[in-house]
Every structure is written in structure tokens, then in C-alpha cells.
């Protein structure tokens, strides 16, 4: 089974009620742009909601993070994923990325291409912390907050937020800079993070906090 074609839905605007009042701080936070690869975006119609808002909002928060001096991380799944490396993912999602030449040349969509100084993490599991040195890189930079955006909200983005919490990193789920299989699952992910492991907030709210 592979990822199905995904329906269009309008990007939610919030608000989400949070249990804690954490706010991103420029000296503590980093940005994670999660799995913004053509293979995953093309499961939507890229011309329809929520994709244009998703890309625009990620560009907006990336610019705000640049201005505030935050390090920027990306995840990207590799094209070559031997069955033993994908392991249980094969049972849920099949063999992974296809059209290997396209993805090898452009692991992240052109509108959000990593720049010099950004860090790309190879993505093997739902959480960006699994089989990567993300925690060590955050620690080396003195960072213990992580702003999370990208796709898919209820899978990798939510799993990364939950594991960040368990690694003593405060996660911030940018709920108008993620997209999902459906509006219902998108909202479920934002609510889960806000109630169990982090803070769900808008790009505008994150920008305002970083400017302070």
C-alpha cells in the first residue's frame, strides 16, 4: 500500500488551546522543515489548498528564523531504501520514493531548497530523531526548542514533536505550516501536540515571539 491521492482542504487558521505557555526564543530555537519532497506533495493537487498556503507559510517562517539567527534543518527520505532499512514501513507504505532520478536531483522542492549553512538529515522513520544526529546537533548549538513544519502533520511531524518532548526539547507545531491526509487528521495532530507534548501555534505567533 502506498500513500493515496489526498483531498484538498483549506489551511486551518486556529486558534488551538495549549496546556503550556512556552514561546520560541531566538537563542534557544531551531527550525525543522519536514519532508517537503515532491513525492509527498504530489499526492495533493499542488495548485489547490492546502499546498500554496503550506509552501508560502514555510517560506515566511524560514525568513523569520533567518532574521532571528535560528539554525535550519531539513529532513528528506532517501531514494534508495533497501527493504531491510525500511523494515516495518514496507508493510504500511510500500517501497517508498519512486522516480529516483527526479528525487535524487531535487530532494526538497525548489521553492524551499536548502541554502548554504542549512542541514539536511536523512529520514528513515517517522521521527526526525530516529537514526539521525538531530539531538546532538541541537545540543551542540545550545538549542532546546524545535519549530516543526512540513508534511505529514499526523505522521512524521507529530512523531517528531512527541520525541522532541521526550528528549527534553520543547516542540512547537506550526499548524498553518503543515499539511495532512485530511483536515480532520491535521487538526488531530495539532490538538495532540498542544495537549500532550508541546505548543501548537501559527506562523504569525511564532514570528511575533522570535521578534521579541
C-alpha atoms as a PDB file:
ATOM      1  CA  UNK A   1       0.000   0.000   0.000  1.00  0.00           C
ATOM      2  CA  UNK A   2       1.285   3.476  -0.880  1.00  0.00           C
ATOM      3  CA  UNK A   3       0.088   6.946   0.107  1.00  0.00           C
ATOM      4  CA  UNK A   4      -3.263   7.593  -1.625  1.00  0.00           C
ATOM      5  CA  UNK A   5      -4.263  10.670  -3.556  1.00  0.00           C
ATOM      6  CA  UNK A   6      -5.102  13.319  -0.971  1.00  0.00           C
ATOM      7  CA  UNK A   7      -8.094  15.686  -0.922  1.00  0.00           C
ATOM      8  CA  UNK A   8      -7.969  19.450  -0.996  1.00  0.00           C
ATOM      9  CA  UNK A   9      -8.910  21.315   2.189  1.00  0.00           C
ATOM     10  CA  UNK A  10      -8.423  24.848   3.427  1.00  0.00           C
ATOM     11  CA  UNK A  11      -5.461  25.504   5.690  1.00  0.00           C
ATOM     12  CA  UNK A  12      -6.823  25.923   9.243  1.00  0.00           C
ATOM     13  CA  UNK A  13      -6.236  29.254  10.935  1.00  0.00           C
ATOM     14  CA  UNK A  14      -6.693  28.284  14.590  1.00  0.00           C
ATOM     15  CA  UNK A  15      -6.600  29.016  17.402  1.00  0.00           C
ATOM     16  CA  UNK A  16      -5.556  25.878  19.287  1.00  0.00           C
ATOM     17  CA  UNK A  17      -5.761  25.804  23.078  1.00  0.00           C
ATOM     18  CA  UNK A  18      -2.424  24.848  24.648  1.00  0.00           C
ATOM     19  CA  UNK A  19      -1.704  23.401  28.088  1.00  0.00           C
ATOM     20  CA  UNK A  20       1.594  25.262  28.490  1.00  0.00           C
ATOM     21  CA  UNK A  21       2.642  28.802  27.657  1.00  0.00           C
ATOM     22  CA  UNK A  22       6.036  28.112  26.067  1.00  0.00           C
ATOM     23  CA  UNK A  23       7.141  30.532  23.372  1.00  0.00           C
ATOM     24  CA  UNK A  24      10.017  30.249  20.892  1.00  0.00           C
ATOM     25  CA  UNK A  25      13.153  32.175  21.858  1.00  0.00           C
ATOM     26  CA  UNK A  26      15.774  33.190  19.282  1.00  0.00           C
ATOM     27  CA  UNK A  27      18.690  31.933  21.395  1.00  0.00           C
ATOM     28  CA  UNK A  28      17.076  28.539  22.054  1.00  0.00           C
ATOM     29  CA  UNK A  29      15.103  27.561  18.946  1.00  0.00           C
ATOM     30  CA  UNK A  30      15.821  25.799  15.652  1.00  0.00           C
ATOM     31  CA  UNK A  31      13.558  25.255  12.633  1.00  0.00           C
ATOM     32  CA  UNK A  32      12.800  21.844  11.115  1.00  0.00           C
ATOM     33  CA  UNK A  33      11.332  21.696   7.588  1.00  0.00           C
ATOM     34  CA  UNK A  34       9.979  18.172   7.432  1.00  0.00           C
ATOM     35  CA  UNK A  35       9.855  16.000   4.274  1.00  0.00           C
ATOM     36  CA  UNK A  36       8.969  18.751   1.789  1.00  0.00           C
ATOM     37  CA  UNK A  37       9.756  16.494  -1.160  1.00  0.00           C
ATOM     38  CA  UNK A  38       7.919  16.385  -4.478  1.00  0.00           C
ATOM     39  CA  UNK A  39       6.939  12.756  -3.983  1.00  0.00           C
ATOM     40  CA  UNK A  40       4.860  13.656  -0.923  1.00  0.00           C
ATOM     41  CA  UNK A  41       3.498  16.993  -2.155  1.00  0.00           C
ATOM     42  CA  UNK A  42       2.379  15.421  -5.421  1.00  0.00           C
ATOM     43  CA  UNK A  43      -0.113  13.290  -3.508  1.00  0.00           C
ATOM     44  CA  UNK A  44      -2.114  16.544  -3.389  1.00  0.00           C
ATOM     45  CA  UNK A  45      -3.070  18.694  -6.346  1.00  0.00           C
ATOM     46  CA  UNK A  46      -0.267  21.269  -5.841  1.00  0.00           C
ATOM     47  CA  UNK A  47      -2.446  24.032  -7.288  1.00  0.00           C
ATOM     48  CA  UNK A  48      -5.162  23.553  -4.672  1.00  0.00           C
ATOM     49  CA  UNK A  49      -5.372  24.175  -0.930  1.00  0.00           C
ATOM     50  CA  UNK A  50      -3.603  23.484   1.329  1.00  0.00           C
ATOM     51  CA  UNK A  51      -0.389  23.336  -0.753  1.00  0.00           C
ATOM     52  CA  UNK A  52       0.036  27.009  -1.797  1.00  0.00           C
ATOM     53  CA  UNK A  53      -0.515  28.191   1.794  1.00  0.00           C
ATOM     54  CA  UNK A  54       1.769  25.453   3.118  1.00  0.00           C
ATOM     55  CA  UNK A  55       4.686  26.491   0.911  1.00  0.00           C
ATOM     56  CA  UNK A  56       4.127  30.222   1.444  1.00  0.00           C
ATOM     57  CA  UNK A  57       3.894  29.851   5.222  1.00  0.00           C
ATOM     58  CA  UNK A  58       7.040  27.737   5.410  1.00  0.00           C
ATOM     59  CA  UNK A  59       8.911  30.330   3.351  1.00  0.00           C
ATOM     60  CA  UNK A  60       7.609  33.007   5.713  1.00  0.00           C
ATOM     61  CA  UNK A  61       8.724  31.247   8.899  1.00  0.00           C
ATOM     62  CA  UNK A  62      12.063  30.333   7.361  1.00  0.00           C
ATOM     63  CA  UNK A  63      12.692  34.007   6.598  1.00  0.00           C
ATOM     64  CA  UNK A  64      11.741  34.934  10.164  1.00  0.00           C
ATOM     65  CA  UNK A  65      14.087  32.274  11.520  1.00  0.00           C
ATOM     66  CA  UNK A  66      16.886  33.545   9.275  1.00  0.00           C
ATOM     67  CA  UNK A  67      16.363  37.060  10.618  1.00  0.00           C
ATOM     68  CA  UNK A  68      16.443  35.790  14.200  1.00  0.00           C
ATOM     69  CA  UNK A  69      19.570  33.679  13.652  1.00  0.00           C
ATOM     70  CA  UNK A  70      17.992  30.232  14.051  1.00  0.00           C
ATOM     71  CA  UNK A  71      19.642  27.159  12.511  1.00  0.00           C
ATOM     72  CA  UNK A  72      17.502  25.489   9.853  1.00  0.00           C
ATOM     73  CA  UNK A  73      17.233  21.706   9.481  1.00  0.00           C
ATOM     74  CA  UNK A  74      15.538  19.664   6.757  1.00  0.00           C
ATOM     75  CA  UNK A  75      14.512  16.042   6.578  1.00  0.00           C
ATOM     76  CA  UNK A  76      14.441  14.174   3.278  1.00  0.00           C
ATOM     77  CA  UNK A  77      13.823  10.494   2.708  1.00  0.00           C
ATOM     78  CA  UNK A  78      16.454   8.779   0.541  1.00  0.00           C
ATOM     79  CA  UNK A  79      15.584   7.346  -2.843  1.00  0.00           C
ATOM     80  CA  UNK A  80      17.433   4.102  -2.213  1.00  0.00           C
ATOM     81  CA  UNK A  81      15.721   2.370   0.705  1.00  0.00           C
ATOM     82  CA  UNK A  82      16.576  -1.334   0.848  1.00  0.00           C
ATOM     83  CA  UNK A  83      13.806  -3.475   2.361  1.00  0.00           C
ATOM     84  CA  UNK A  84      15.875  -4.191   5.455  1.00  0.00           C
ATOM     85  CA  UNK A  85      16.253  -0.435   6.065  1.00  0.00           C
ATOM     86  CA  UNK A  86      12.566   0.358   5.558  1.00  0.00           C
ATOM     87  CA  UNK A  87      11.626  -2.679   7.655  1.00  0.00           C
ATOM     88  CA  UNK A  88       8.076  -2.236   9.035  1.00  0.00           C
ATOM     89  CA  UNK A  89       7.431   0.798   6.840  1.00  0.00           C
ATOM     90  CA  UNK A  90       7.135  -1.602   3.902  1.00  0.00           C
ATOM     91  CA  UNK A  91       4.012  -3.137   5.418  1.00  0.00           C
ATOM     92  CA  UNK A  92       2.288   0.228   5.789  1.00  0.00           C
ATOM     93  CA  UNK A  93       3.543   2.268   2.834  1.00  0.00           C
ATOM     94  CA  UNK A  94       5.261   0.011   0.329  1.00  0.00           C
ATOM     95  CA  UNK A  95       8.759   0.601  -1.084  1.00  0.00           C
ATOM     96  CA  UNK A  96       8.978   4.354  -0.550  1.00  0.00           C
ATOM     97  CA  UNK A  97      10.004   7.041  -3.034  1.00  0.00           C
ATOM     98  CA  UNK A  98       9.775   6.377  -6.751  1.00  0.00           C
ATOM     99  CA  UNK A  99      11.074   8.245  -9.840  1.00  0.00           C
ATOM    100  CA  UNK A 100      14.548   8.033  -8.382  1.00  0.00           C
ATOM    101  CA  UNK A 101      16.285  10.326 -10.854  1.00  0.00           C
ATOM    102  CA  UNK A 102      13.927  13.228 -10.075  1.00  0.00           C
ATOM    103  CA  UNK A 103      14.251  12.853  -6.317  1.00  0.00           C
ATOM    104  CA  UNK A 104      17.996  12.316  -6.348  1.00  0.00           C
ATOM    105  CA  UNK A 105      18.444  15.640  -8.120  1.00  0.00           C
ATOM    106  CA  UNK A 106      15.931  17.570  -6.016  1.00  0.00           C
ATOM    107  CA  UNK A 107      15.417  16.093  -2.546  1.00  0.00           C
ATOM    108  CA  UNK A 108      13.421  19.162  -1.416  1.00  0.00           C
ATOM    109  CA  UNK A 109      11.101  21.204  -3.646  1.00  0.00           C
ATOM    110  CA  UNK A 110      12.772  24.123  -5.413  1.00  0.00           C
ATOM    111  CA  UNK A 111      10.707  26.774  -3.601  1.00  0.00           C
ATOM    112  CA  UNK A 112      12.195  25.620  -0.281  1.00  0.00           C
ATOM    113  CA  UNK A 113      15.585  24.362  -1.414  1.00  0.00           C
ATOM    114  CA  UNK A 114      18.179  24.252   1.374  1.00  0.00           C
ATOM    115  CA  UNK A 115      20.778  27.002   1.343  1.00  0.00           C
ATOM    116  CA  UNK A 116      24.427  27.011   2.320  1.00  0.00           C
ATOM    117  CA  UNK A 117      24.556  26.563   6.074  1.00  0.00           C
ATOM    118  CA  UNK A 118      21.304  24.598   6.325  1.00  0.00           C
ATOM    119  CA  UNK A 119      21.462  20.977   7.490  1.00  0.00           C
ATOM    120  CA  UNK A 120      19.763  18.073   5.667  1.00  0.00           C
ATOM    121  CA  UNK A 121      19.012  14.980   7.737  1.00  0.00           C
ATOM    122  CA  UNK A 122      18.397  11.631   6.062  1.00  0.00           C
ATOM    123  CA  UNK A 123      14.937  10.461   7.135  1.00  0.00           C
ATOM    124  CA  UNK A 124      14.445   6.760   7.890  1.00  0.00           C
ATOM    125  CA  UNK A 125      11.499   6.700  10.304  1.00  0.00           C
ATOM    126  CA  UNK A 126       8.528   8.869  11.255  1.00  0.00           C
ATOM    127  CA  UNK A 127      10.524  10.829  13.827  1.00  0.00           C
ATOM    128  CA  UNK A 128      13.376  13.020  12.602  1.00  0.00           C
ATOM    129  CA  UNK A 129      15.332  11.996  15.705  1.00  0.00           C
ATOM    130  CA  UNK A 130      15.467   8.334  14.710  1.00  0.00           C
ATOM    131  CA  UNK A 131      18.718   7.190  13.061  1.00  0.00           C
ATOM    132  CA  UNK A 132      19.954  10.793  12.873  1.00  0.00           C
ATOM    133  CA  UNK A 133      22.143  13.058  14.980  1.00  0.00           C
ATOM    134  CA  UNK A 134      19.491  15.768  15.285  1.00  0.00           C
ATOM    135  CA  UNK A 135      19.574  15.753  19.095  1.00  0.00           C
ATOM    136  CA  UNK A 136      23.359  16.002  19.160  1.00  0.00           C
ATOM    137  CA  UNK A 137      23.346  18.831  16.609  1.00  0.00           C
ATOM    138  CA  UNK A 138      20.771  20.767  18.623  1.00  0.00           C
ATOM    139  CA  UNK A 139      22.776  20.260  21.792  1.00  0.00           C
ATOM    140  CA  UNK A 140      25.992  21.382  20.101  1.00  0.00           C
ATOM    141  CA  UNK A 141      24.262  24.624  19.069  1.00  0.00           C
ATOM    142  CA  UNK A 142      22.784  25.187  22.525  1.00  0.00           C
ATOM    143  CA  UNK A 143      19.238  24.686  21.206  1.00  0.00           C
ATOM    144  CA  UNK A 144      16.434  23.098  23.202  1.00  0.00           C
ATOM    145  CA  UNK A 145      13.403  24.265  21.214  1.00  0.00           C
ATOM    146  CA  UNK A 146      12.285  22.993  17.798  1.00  0.00           C
ATOM    147  CA  UNK A 147       9.804  24.644  15.419  1.00  0.00           C
ATOM    148  CA  UNK A 148       8.262  21.962  13.197  1.00  0.00           C
ATOM    149  CA  UNK A 149       6.628  22.470   9.799  1.00  0.00           C
ATOM    150  CA  UNK A 150       6.083  20.357   6.677  1.00  0.00           C
ATOM    151  CA  UNK A 151       4.257  17.092   5.922  1.00  0.00           C
ATOM    152  CA  UNK A 152       2.520  14.999   7.004  1.00  0.00           C
ATOM    153  CA  UNK A 153       1.137  16.527  10.199  1.00  0.00           C
ATOM    154  CA  UNK A 154      -0.208  13.400  11.910  1.00  0.00           C
ATOM    155  CA  UNK A 155       2.706  11.148  10.938  1.00  0.00           C
ATOM    156  CA  UNK A 156       6.265  12.487  10.884  1.00  0.00           C
ATOM    157  CA  UNK A 157       5.575  15.980  12.212  1.00  0.00           C
ATOM    158  CA  UNK A 158       3.626  14.748  15.222  1.00  0.00           C
ATOM    159  CA  UNK A 159       6.045  11.871  15.893  1.00  0.00           C
ATOM    160  CA  UNK A 160       8.972  14.293  15.808  1.00  0.00           C
ATOM    161  CA  UNK A 161       7.197  16.642  18.211  1.00  0.00           C
ATOM    162  CA  UNK A 162       6.489  13.805  20.640  1.00  0.00           C
ATOM    163  CA  UNK A 163      10.063  12.556  20.538  1.00  0.00           C
ATOM    164  CA  UNK A 164      11.414  16.091  20.940  1.00  0.00           C
ATOM    165  CA  UNK A 165       9.439  16.319  24.179  1.00  0.00           C
ATOM    166  CA  UNK A 166      10.905  13.011  25.346  1.00  0.00           C
ATOM    167  CA  UNK A 167      14.383  14.322  24.501  1.00  0.00           C
ATOM    168  CA  UNK A 168      13.799  17.448  26.645  1.00  0.00           C
ATOM    169  CA  UNK A 169      13.407  19.681  23.584  1.00  0.00           C
ATOM    170  CA  UNK A 170      10.344  21.949  23.565  1.00  0.00           C
ATOM    171  CA  UNK A 171       8.413  21.325  20.311  1.00  0.00           C
ATOM    172  CA  UNK A 172       6.411  23.999  18.523  1.00  0.00           C
ATOM    173  CA  UNK A 173       3.941  22.669  15.951  1.00  0.00           C
ATOM    174  CA  UNK A 174       3.290  25.327  13.296  1.00  0.00           C
ATOM    175  CA  UNK A 175      -0.227  24.246  12.473  1.00  0.00           C
ATOM    176  CA  UNK A 176      -0.710  26.563   9.476  1.00  0.00           C
ATOM    177  CA  UNK A 177       2.642  25.427   8.046  1.00  0.00           C
ATOM    178  CA  UNK A 178       1.869  21.689   7.989  1.00  0.00           C
ATOM    179  CA  UNK A 179      -0.459  19.639   5.788  1.00  0.00           C
ATOM    180  CA  UNK A 180      -2.022  16.226   6.118  1.00  0.00           C
ATOM    181  CA  UNK A 181      -4.160  13.454   4.657  1.00  0.00           C
ATOM    182  CA  UNK A 182      -7.283  15.370   5.690  1.00  0.00           C
ATOM    183  CA  UNK A 183      -8.403  18.370   7.720  1.00  0.00           C
ATOM    184  CA  UNK A 184      -9.549  16.006  10.490  1.00  0.00           C
ATOM    185  CA  UNK A 185      -6.098  14.427  10.817  1.00  0.00           C
ATOM    186  CA  UNK A 186      -4.396  17.818  10.550  1.00  0.00           C
ATOM    187  CA  UNK A 187      -6.424  19.152  13.482  1.00  0.00           C
ATOM    188  CA  UNK A 188      -5.986  15.946  15.465  1.00  0.00           C
ATOM    189  CA  UNK A 189      -2.198  16.292  15.222  1.00  0.00           C
ATOM    190  CA  UNK A 190      -2.259  19.939  16.313  1.00  0.00           C
ATOM    191  CA  UNK A 191      -4.507  19.133  19.270  1.00  0.00           C
ATOM    192  CA  UNK A 192      -2.444  16.136  20.334  1.00  0.00           C
ATOM    193  CA  UNK A 193       0.745  18.198  20.429  1.00  0.00           C
ATOM    194  CA  UNK A 194      -0.956  21.056  22.273  1.00  0.00           C
ATOM    195  CA  UNK A 195      -2.357  18.725  24.943  1.00  0.00           C
ATOM    196  CA  UNK A 196       0.408  16.176  25.385  1.00  0.00           C
ATOM    197  CA  UNK A 197       3.868  17.329  24.403  1.00  0.00           C
ATOM    198  CA  UNK A 198       4.253  20.868  23.093  1.00  0.00           C
ATOM    199  CA  UNK A 199       2.678  24.021  21.744  1.00  0.00           C
ATOM    200  CA  UNK A 200       0.648  24.442  18.563  1.00  0.00           C
ATOM    201  CA  UNK A 201       0.836  27.951  17.160  1.00  0.00           C
ATOM    202  CA  UNK A 202       0.556  29.870  13.930  1.00  0.00           C
ATOM    203  CA  UNK A 203       3.419  31.161  11.839  1.00  0.00           C
ATOM    204  CA  UNK A 204       2.413  34.707  12.824  1.00  0.00           C
ATOM    205  CA  UNK A 205       2.531  33.825  16.527  1.00  0.00           C
ATOM    206  CA  UNK A 206       5.956  32.225  16.110  1.00  0.00           C
ATOM    207  CA  UNK A 207       7.232  35.270  14.223  1.00  0.00           C
ATOM    208  CA  UNK A 208       5.996  37.624  16.948  1.00  0.00           C
ATOM    209  CA  UNK A 209       7.729  35.544  19.623  1.00  0.00           C
ATOM    210  CA  UNK A 210      11.005  35.492  17.704  1.00  0.00           C
ATOM    211  CA  UNK A 211      10.905  39.279  17.216  1.00  0.00           C
ATOM    212  CA  UNK A 212      10.669  39.772  20.987  1.00  0.00           C
END
